[in-house]
Amino acid sequence: MLDNELAIETPEHVELSFALASIGNRFLACATDHIIQILLIFAIALAVYSFEVSLTSLGAQYGVNWVLAGAILLVFLIGVGYFVAFETLWNGQTPGKRWMRLRVVRQDARPIGFYEALIRNLIRLVDMMPMPSYFIGIVSIFFSQHYRRLGDYAAGTVVVKERATEAPQFAQLFEAEENIKSLGSADASAMLIQPYLLRLITSEEIRAVDAFLRRRASLEPQRRQFLAYRIAAPLMMKMRVPIQSAHHYEAFLETLHQQYTAQAKYLSK
């Protein structure tokens, strides 16, 4: 049974496809995260009890009230802030989602930010009704074309599944801007593509490469590397070209375009 997919066409007319996370995968990821939350809250309860016993024995009842107030605040932050913090810092993932190879992205496939993480997890309180069954969220996912709960609708997000064969590269797409760079032309020219492999490339594919190379200077760094990956990965798989890091995708496209252009008159025969 094939995965349901989300298809997105970029401004460069490149179609991207993502496998959508199923209800089962999302349930296991969510259950894992809630177990972690429960363990954290249990640890706080033990710490509060220990402080309360110590302060009561010292006759510092005023201090006990402050400890209880602080504990309530921590429990609230864990309940709501857990998902917001992880999805913001881990680019759409929580420990449970990372274990299940799931990721929250925007509808245009770009990484989510703090705003999207906050909105979708505030609405989580509605999706969990009647508490804690997630009945409303499950019904919403079941009847949604893209498996979206109410929080996803409000934040404009969707949960996708990282395929096992591309998960390592997918995670590298969302590195911080200071870590994003492409290889220079000297490094690109060092990559040699055999002429017979160039015959595997269609005219539509080389036009997509050409469109990306022409417009890449105007793209944001993260979007630029993301598109380089989405265009290069299928071509590299078709041509069986090995890859060592995410920073080589743009260099591969440069080399492919250069060598295809140089060999075009022979390839057309």
Protein backbone atom coordinates (compact mmCIF):
# COMPACT_ATOMS: atom_id res chain seq x y z
CA MET A 1 0.00 0.00 0.00
CA LEU A 2 1.56 3.25 -1.13
CA ASP A 3 2.05 6.19 1.23
CA ASN A 4 -0.34 9.08 0.78
CA GLU A 5 1.68 12.00 -0.50
CA LEU A 6 1.57 15.77 -0.45
CA ALA A 7 2.59 17.27 -3.79
CA ILE A 8 3.85 20.87 -3.92
CA GLU A 9 4.93 22.84 -6.97
CA THR A 10 7.61 25.45 -6.30
CA PRO A 11 7.88 28.82 -8.09
CA GLU A 12 10.64 27.17 -10.14
CA HIS A 13 7.98 24.67 -11.39
CA VAL A 14 9.66 21.81 -9.57
CA GLU A 15 7.22 19.34 -8.03
CA LEU A 16 8.11 18.14 -4.53
CA SER A 17 6.40 15.15 -2.95
CA PHE A 18 6.28 14.23 0.73
CA ALA A 19 4.87 11.12 2.39
CA LEU A 20 2.18 12.12 4.86
CA ALA A 21 2.32 10.83 8.44
CA SER A 22 -0.43 8.34 9.19
CA ILE A 23 -2.69 8.38 12.25
CA GLY A 24 -0.82 5.39 13.68
CA ASN A 25 2.61 7.01 13.39
CA ARG A 26 1.36 10.27 14.86
CA PHE A 27 -0.32 8.44 17.74
CA LEU A 28 2.89 6.59 18.68
CA ALA A 29 4.95 9.77 18.44
CA CYS A 30 2.43 11.71 20.55
CA ALA A 31 2.19 8.91 23.13
CA THR A 32 5.98 8.90 23.47
CA ASP A 33 6.05 12.66 24.03
CA HIS A 34 3.27 12.48 26.62
CA ILE A 35 5.11 9.71 28.49
CA ILE A 36 8.19 11.95 28.62
CA GLN A 37 5.99 14.81 29.91
CA ILE A 38 4.50 12.58 32.61
CA LEU A 39 7.96 11.49 33.74
CA LEU A 40 9.09 15.12 33.95
CA ILE A 41 5.99 16.08 35.95
CA PHE A 42 6.50 13.09 38.25
CA ALA A 43 10.09 14.22 38.87
CA ILE A 44 8.81 17.72 39.71
CA ALA A 45 6.25 16.25 42.11
CA LEU A 46 8.95 14.31 43.92
CA ALA A 47 11.13 17.41 44.16
CA VAL A 48 8.20 19.50 45.46
CA TYR A 49 7.35 16.88 48.08
CA SER A 50 10.96 16.79 49.23
CA PHE A 51 11.12 20.60 49.50
CA GLU A 52 7.74 20.74 51.25
CA VAL A 53 8.83 18.25 53.91
CA SER A 54 12.08 20.13 54.50
CA LEU A 55 10.45 23.58 54.65
CA THR A 56 7.60 22.37 56.87
CA SER A 57 10.07 20.90 59.34
CA LEU A 58 11.77 24.30 59.44
CA GLY A 59 8.43 26.07 59.94
CA ALA A 60 8.76 28.00 56.66
CA GLN A 61 5.18 27.67 55.42
CA TYR A 62 5.57 30.83 53.32
CA GLY A 63 8.36 29.12 51.38
CA VAL A 64 6.14 26.08 50.75
CA ASN A 65 3.60 28.28 48.96
CA TRP A 66 6.29 29.66 46.66
CA VAL A 67 7.53 26.15 45.88
CA LEU A 68 4.00 25.05 44.99
CA ALA A 69 3.49 28.13 42.79
CA GLY A 70 6.76 27.43 40.99
CA ALA A 71 5.81 23.78 40.51
CA ILE A 72 2.46 24.73 38.98
CA LEU A 73 4.23 27.07 36.55
CA LEU A 74 6.72 24.35 35.57
CA VAL A 75 3.93 21.83 34.99
CA PHE A 76 2.14 24.33 32.73
CA LEU A 77 5.34 25.02 30.78
CA ILE A 78 5.93 21.31 30.33
CA GLY A 79 2.35 20.75 29.26
CA VAL A 80 2.35 23.44 26.58
CA GLY A 81 5.96 24.54 26.16
CA TYR A 82 7.35 21.04 25.63
CA PHE A 83 5.97 20.75 22.10
CA VAL A 84 6.53 24.41 21.24
CA ALA A 85 10.16 24.37 22.35
CA PHE A 86 11.14 21.12 20.65
CA GLU A 87 9.31 21.84 17.39
CA THR A 88 10.94 25.28 17.23
CA LEU A 89 14.47 24.18 18.14
CA TRP A 90 14.40 20.84 16.32
CA ASN A 91 12.80 22.19 13.12
CA GLY A 92 9.39 20.56 13.50
CA GLN A 93 10.39 17.54 15.56
CA THR A 94 9.93 16.36 19.14
CA PRO A 95 11.62 13.29 20.69
CA GLY A 96 8.57 11.23 19.74
CA LYS A 97 8.47 12.55 16.18
CA ARG A 98 12.21 12.06 15.77
CA TRP A 99 11.85 8.45 16.90
CA MET A 100 9.05 7.87 14.38
CA ARG A 101 10.84 9.91 11.67
CA LEU A 102 8.09 12.50 11.46
CA ARG A 103 8.42 16.25 10.96
CA VAL A 104 6.07 19.23 11.00
CA VAL A 105 6.49 21.55 8.02
CA ARG A 106 4.56 24.44 6.54
CA GLN A 107 2.13 23.78 3.71
CA ASP A 108 4.77 25.01 1.24
CA ALA A 109 7.26 22.49 2.73
CA ARG A 110 9.39 25.15 4.42
CA PRO A 111 10.52 24.67 8.04
CA ILE A 112 8.14 25.90 10.74
CA GLY A 113 9.05 28.68 13.14
CA PHE A 114 8.06 29.65 16.67
CA TYR A 115 4.74 31.14 15.54
CA GLU A 116 3.56 27.95 13.80
CA ALA A 117 4.74 25.77 16.68
CA LEU A 118 2.94 27.99 19.21
CA ILE A 119 -0.37 28.13 17.32
CA ARG A 120 -0.61 24.42 16.53
CA ASN A 121 0.16 23.46 20.13
CA LEU A 122 -2.21 25.96 21.72
CA ILE A 123 -4.97 24.45 19.59
CA ARG A 124 -3.79 21.02 20.81
CA LEU A 125 -5.84 21.71 23.95
CA VAL A 126 -8.95 21.65 21.73
CA ASP A 127 -7.79 18.60 19.75
CA MET A 128 -7.37 16.68 23.02
CA MET A 129 -11.05 17.09 23.95
CA PRO A 130 -12.59 15.28 25.68
CA MET A 131 -9.39 15.28 27.71
CA PRO A 132 -7.19 13.34 27.12
CA SER A 133 -8.73 11.24 24.34
CA TYR A 134 -7.69 13.39 21.35
CA PHE A 135 -11.13 12.56 19.95
CA ILE A 136 -11.55 15.88 18.13
CA GLY A 137 -8.01 15.71 16.73
CA ILE A 138 -8.44 12.11 15.54
CA VAL A 139 -11.74 12.91 13.84
CA SER A 140 -10.14 15.94 12.16
CA ILE A 141 -7.18 13.87 10.92
CA PHE A 142 -9.45 11.06 9.75
CA PHE A 143 -11.60 13.33 7.59
CA SER A 144 -8.74 15.58 6.41
CA GLN A 145 -7.22 15.08 2.98
CA HIS A 146 -3.71 15.66 4.33
CA TYR A 147 -4.16 14.14 7.81
CA ARG A 148 -4.32 17.50 9.56
CA ARG A 149 -5.71 18.14 13.02
CA LEU A 150 -7.26 21.47 14.00
CA GLY A 151 -3.89 22.79 15.19
CA ASP A 152 -2.41 22.12 11.75
CA TYR A 153 -5.26 23.97 10.06
CA ALA A 154 -4.79 26.98 12.36
CA ALA A 155 -0.99 27.09 11.90
CA GLY A 156 -0.94 26.17 8.20
CA THR A 157 1.20 23.08 8.82
CA VAL A 158 1.27 19.42 7.86
CA VAL A 159 3.08 16.42 9.37
CA VAL A 160 5.22 14.44 6.91
CA LYS A 161 7.15 11.23 7.18
CA GLU A 162 10.84 11.03 6.40
CA ARG A 163 11.48 8.02 4.21
CA ALA A 164 14.26 5.87 5.61
CA THR A 165 16.37 6.29 2.48
CA GLU A 166 16.36 10.08 2.65
CA ALA A 167 16.03 10.85 6.36
CA PRO A 168 19.72 11.76 6.94
CA GLN A 169 19.75 14.21 4.03
CA PHE A 170 16.32 15.60 4.95
CA ALA A 171 17.53 16.52 8.44
CA GLN A 172 20.53 18.36 7.00
CA LEU A 173 18.29 20.66 4.97
CA PHE A 174 17.28 22.58 8.10
CA GLU A 175 20.73 23.51 9.44
CA ALA A 176 21.30 27.05 10.70
CA GLU A 177 22.01 29.66 8.03
CA GLU A 178 25.64 30.05 9.09
CA ASN A 179 26.23 26.35 8.32
CA ILE A 180 24.71 26.53 4.83
CA LYS A 181 27.18 26.92 2.02
CA SER A 182 27.80 25.51 -1.45
CA LEU A 183 31.02 24.31 -3.02
CA GLY A 184 32.97 26.57 -5.35
CA SER A 185 33.28 26.02 -9.08
CA ALA A 186 36.68 24.37 -8.62
CA ASP A 187 35.15 21.70 -6.41
CA ALA A 188 32.22 21.31 -8.78
CA SER A 189 34.47 20.82 -11.79
CA ALA A 190 36.30 18.06 -9.91
CA MET A 191 33.15 15.93 -10.11
CA LEU A 192 33.12 13.98 -13.36
CA ILE A 193 29.87 12.61 -14.78
CA GLN A 194 30.28 9.95 -17.42
CA PRO A 195 28.74 10.94 -20.81
CA TYR A 196 26.56 7.84 -20.99
CA LEU A 197 24.93 8.86 -17.68
CA LEU A 198 24.00 12.23 -19.13
CA ARG A 199 21.74 10.43 -21.59
CA LEU A 200 19.52 9.45 -18.65
CA ILE A 201 18.58 13.10 -18.07
CA THR A 202 15.41 14.33 -19.78
CA SER A 203 14.94 17.79 -21.26
CA GLU A 204 12.37 18.63 -18.54
CA GLU A 205 14.87 17.72 -15.82
CA ILE A 206 17.68 19.81 -17.29
CA ARG A 207 15.27 22.76 -17.63
CA ALA A 208 14.49 22.46 -13.91
CA VAL A 209 18.23 22.47 -13.16
CA ASP A 210 18.73 25.51 -15.39
CA ALA A 211 15.83 27.37 -13.75
CA PHE A 212 17.24 26.72 -10.30
CA LEU A 213 20.76 27.84 -11.20
CA ARG A 214 19.43 31.06 -12.75
CA ARG A 215 17.29 31.99 -9.73
CA ARG A 216 19.37 30.63 -6.82
CA ALA A 217 21.02 33.98 -6.04
CA SER A 218 17.62 35.46 -5.19
CA LEU A 219 16.60 32.61 -2.86
CA GLU A 220 16.95 32.52 0.92
CA PRO A 221 19.83 30.23 2.02
CA GLN A 222 17.62 27.54 3.54
CA ARG A 223 15.21 27.52 0.60
CA ARG A 224 18.13 27.50 -1.81
CA GLN A 225 19.66 24.38 -0.28
CA PHE A 226 16.26 22.76 0.09
CA LEU A 227 15.50 23.16 -3.62
CA ALA A 228 19.02 22.02 -4.56
CA TYR A 229 18.39 18.83 -2.63
CA ARG A 230 14.92 18.20 -4.04
CA ILE A 231 16.16 18.64 -7.62
CA ALA A 232 19.50 16.86 -7.24
CA ALA A 233 18.52 13.82 -5.13
CA PRO A 234 16.28 12.11 -7.74
CA LEU A 235 18.84 12.79 -10.49
CA MET A 236 21.68 11.41 -8.39
CA MET A 237 19.65 8.32 -7.62
CA LYS A 238 18.88 7.83 -11.32
CA MET A 239 22.55 8.29 -12.26
CA ARG A 240 23.86 6.37 -9.22
CA VAL A 241 26.10 9.27 -8.23
CA PRO A 242 27.32 9.00 -4.61
CA ILE A 243 26.93 11.96 -2.22
CA GLN A 244 28.88 12.70 0.94
CA SER A 245 27.18 15.78 2.39
CA ALA A 246 24.22 18.07 1.81
CA HIS A 247 26.60 20.83 0.71
CA HIS A 248 27.42 18.92 -2.49
CA TYR A 249 23.94 19.09 -4.04
CA GLU A 250 24.37 22.52 -5.62
CA ALA A 251 27.84 21.60 -6.83
CA PHE A 252 26.39 18.50 -8.47
CA LEU A 253 23.76 20.59 -10.27
CA GLU A 254 26.43 23.00 -11.50
CA THR A 255 28.54 20.13 -12.83
CA LEU A 256 25.56 18.39 -14.38
CA HIS A 257 24.49 21.57 -16.17
CA GLN A 258 28.00 22.35 -17.38
CA GLN A 259 28.69 18.87 -18.69
CA TYR A 260 25.22 18.42 -20.18
CA THR A 261 25.55 21.73 -22.02
CA ALA A 262 29.00 20.77 -23.29
CA GLN A 263 27.74 17.38 -24.50
CA ALA A 264 24.31 18.57 -25.72
CA LYS A 265 25.07 18.24 -29.44
CA TYR A 266 26.15 14.64 -28.92
CA LEU A 267 23.29 13.78 -26.60
CA SER A 268 20.69 14.96 -29.07
CA LYS A 269 21.84 12.45 -31.66
